[in-house]
N, C-alpha and C. Protein backbone atom coordinates (compact mmCIF):
# COMPACT_ATOMS: atom_id res chain seq x y z
N SER A 1 10.69 -18.14 1.55
CA SER A 1 10.05 -19.41 1.19
C SER A 1 8.70 -19.17 0.55
N SER A 2 8.10 -20.22 0.03
CA SER A 2 6.80 -20.08 -0.62
C SER A 2 5.71 -19.75 0.40
N PHE A 3 5.91 -20.16 1.66
CA PHE A 3 4.91 -19.88 2.67
C PHE A 3 4.79 -18.38 2.93
N LEU A 4 5.93 -17.69 3.01
CA LEU A 4 5.89 -16.25 3.24
C LEU A 4 5.28 -15.53 2.04
N LYS A 5 5.56 -16.04 0.84
CA LYS A 5 4.98 -15.43 -0.36
C LYS A 5 3.47 -15.60 -0.35
N TYR A 6 3.00 -16.80 0.02
CA TYR A 6 1.57 -17.06 0.06
C TYR A 6 0.90 -16.21 1.14
N PHE A 7 1.58 -16.07 2.29
CA PHE A 7 1.02 -15.28 3.38
C PHE A 7 0.92 -13.81 3.00
N LYS A 8 1.92 -13.32 2.26
CA LYS A 8 1.89 -11.92 1.84
C LYS A 8 0.75 -11.65 0.87
N VAL A 9 0.55 -12.59 -0.06
CA VAL A 9 -0.55 -12.44 -1.02
C VAL A 9 -1.89 -12.51 -0.30
N LEU A 10 -1.98 -13.44 0.65
CA LEU A 10 -3.23 -13.60 1.39
C LEU A 10 -3.54 -12.35 2.21
N ARG A 11 -2.51 -11.78 2.83
CA ARG A 11 -2.72 -10.58 3.65
C ARG A 11 -3.12 -9.40 2.77
N THR A 12 -2.49 -9.30 1.59
CA THR A 12 -2.83 -8.20 0.69
C THR A 12 -4.27 -8.30 0.23
N GLY A 13 -4.70 -9.53 -0.10
CA GLY A 13 -6.08 -9.73 -0.53
C GLY A 13 -7.05 -9.42 0.59
N PHE A 14 -6.67 -9.76 1.82
CA PHE A 14 -7.54 -9.50 2.96
C PHE A 14 -7.67 -8.00 3.20
N GLU A 15 -6.56 -7.27 3.06
CA GLU A 15 -6.61 -5.82 3.25
C GLU A 15 -7.46 -5.16 2.18
N LEU A 16 -7.34 -5.63 0.93
CA LEU A 16 -8.14 -5.07 -0.15
C LEU A 16 -9.62 -5.35 0.07
N ALA A 17 -9.93 -6.56 0.53
CA ALA A 17 -11.33 -6.90 0.79
C ALA A 17 -11.88 -6.07 1.94
N TYR A 18 -11.04 -5.82 2.96
CA TYR A 18 -11.48 -5.02 4.10
C TYR A 18 -11.73 -3.58 3.69
N LEU A 19 -10.85 -3.04 2.84
CA LEU A 19 -11.04 -1.67 2.38
C LEU A 19 -12.30 -1.55 1.52
N LYS A 20 -12.55 -2.55 0.69
CA LYS A 20 -13.72 -2.52 -0.16
C LYS A 20 -14.99 -2.60 0.69
N LEU A 21 -14.97 -3.47 1.70
CA LEU A 21 -16.13 -3.61 2.58
C LEU A 21 -16.38 -2.31 3.34
N HIS A 22 -15.30 -1.69 3.83
CA HIS A 22 -15.43 -0.45 4.59
C HIS A 22 -15.98 0.66 3.70
N ARG A 23 -15.50 0.69 2.43
CA ARG A 23 -15.97 1.71 1.50
C ARG A 23 -17.45 1.51 1.18
N ASP A 24 -17.84 0.25 0.99
CA ASP A 24 -19.25 -0.04 0.69
C ASP A 24 -20.14 0.36 1.86
N MET A 25 -19.66 0.16 3.08
CA MET A 25 -20.45 0.52 4.26
C MET A 25 -20.57 2.03 4.38
N LEU A 26 -19.54 2.76 3.92
CA LEU A 26 -19.61 4.22 3.99
C LEU A 26 -20.57 4.77 2.94
N PHE A 27 -20.60 4.12 1.78
CA PHE A 27 -21.44 4.63 0.69
C PHE A 27 -22.87 4.10 0.75
N LEU A 28 -23.13 3.13 1.63
CA LEU A 28 -24.45 2.54 1.69
C LEU A 28 -25.54 3.55 2.03
N PRO A 29 -25.35 4.43 3.02
CA PRO A 29 -26.41 5.42 3.34
C PRO A 29 -26.73 6.33 2.16
N TYR A 30 -25.70 6.68 1.36
CA TYR A 30 -25.95 7.55 0.21
C TYR A 30 -26.78 6.84 -0.84
N ARG A 31 -26.57 5.52 -0.99
CA ARG A 31 -27.37 4.76 -1.95
C ARG A 31 -28.81 4.65 -1.48
N LEU A 32 -29.00 4.50 -0.16
CA LEU A 32 -30.36 4.36 0.35
C LEU A 32 -31.13 5.67 0.23
N VAL A 33 -30.43 6.79 0.37
CA VAL A 33 -31.09 8.09 0.30
C VAL A 33 -31.47 8.43 -1.13
N SER A 34 -30.54 8.20 -2.07
CA SER A 34 -30.80 8.58 -3.45
C SER A 34 -31.71 7.60 -4.17
């Protein structure tokens, strides 16, 4: 159904946002040092 399709897209976007946030938090100390 369209609900499962919407949920899958929403979950994928959430995972991508979480990975981006986690990556930014890992690289933040290097930006502050340099």
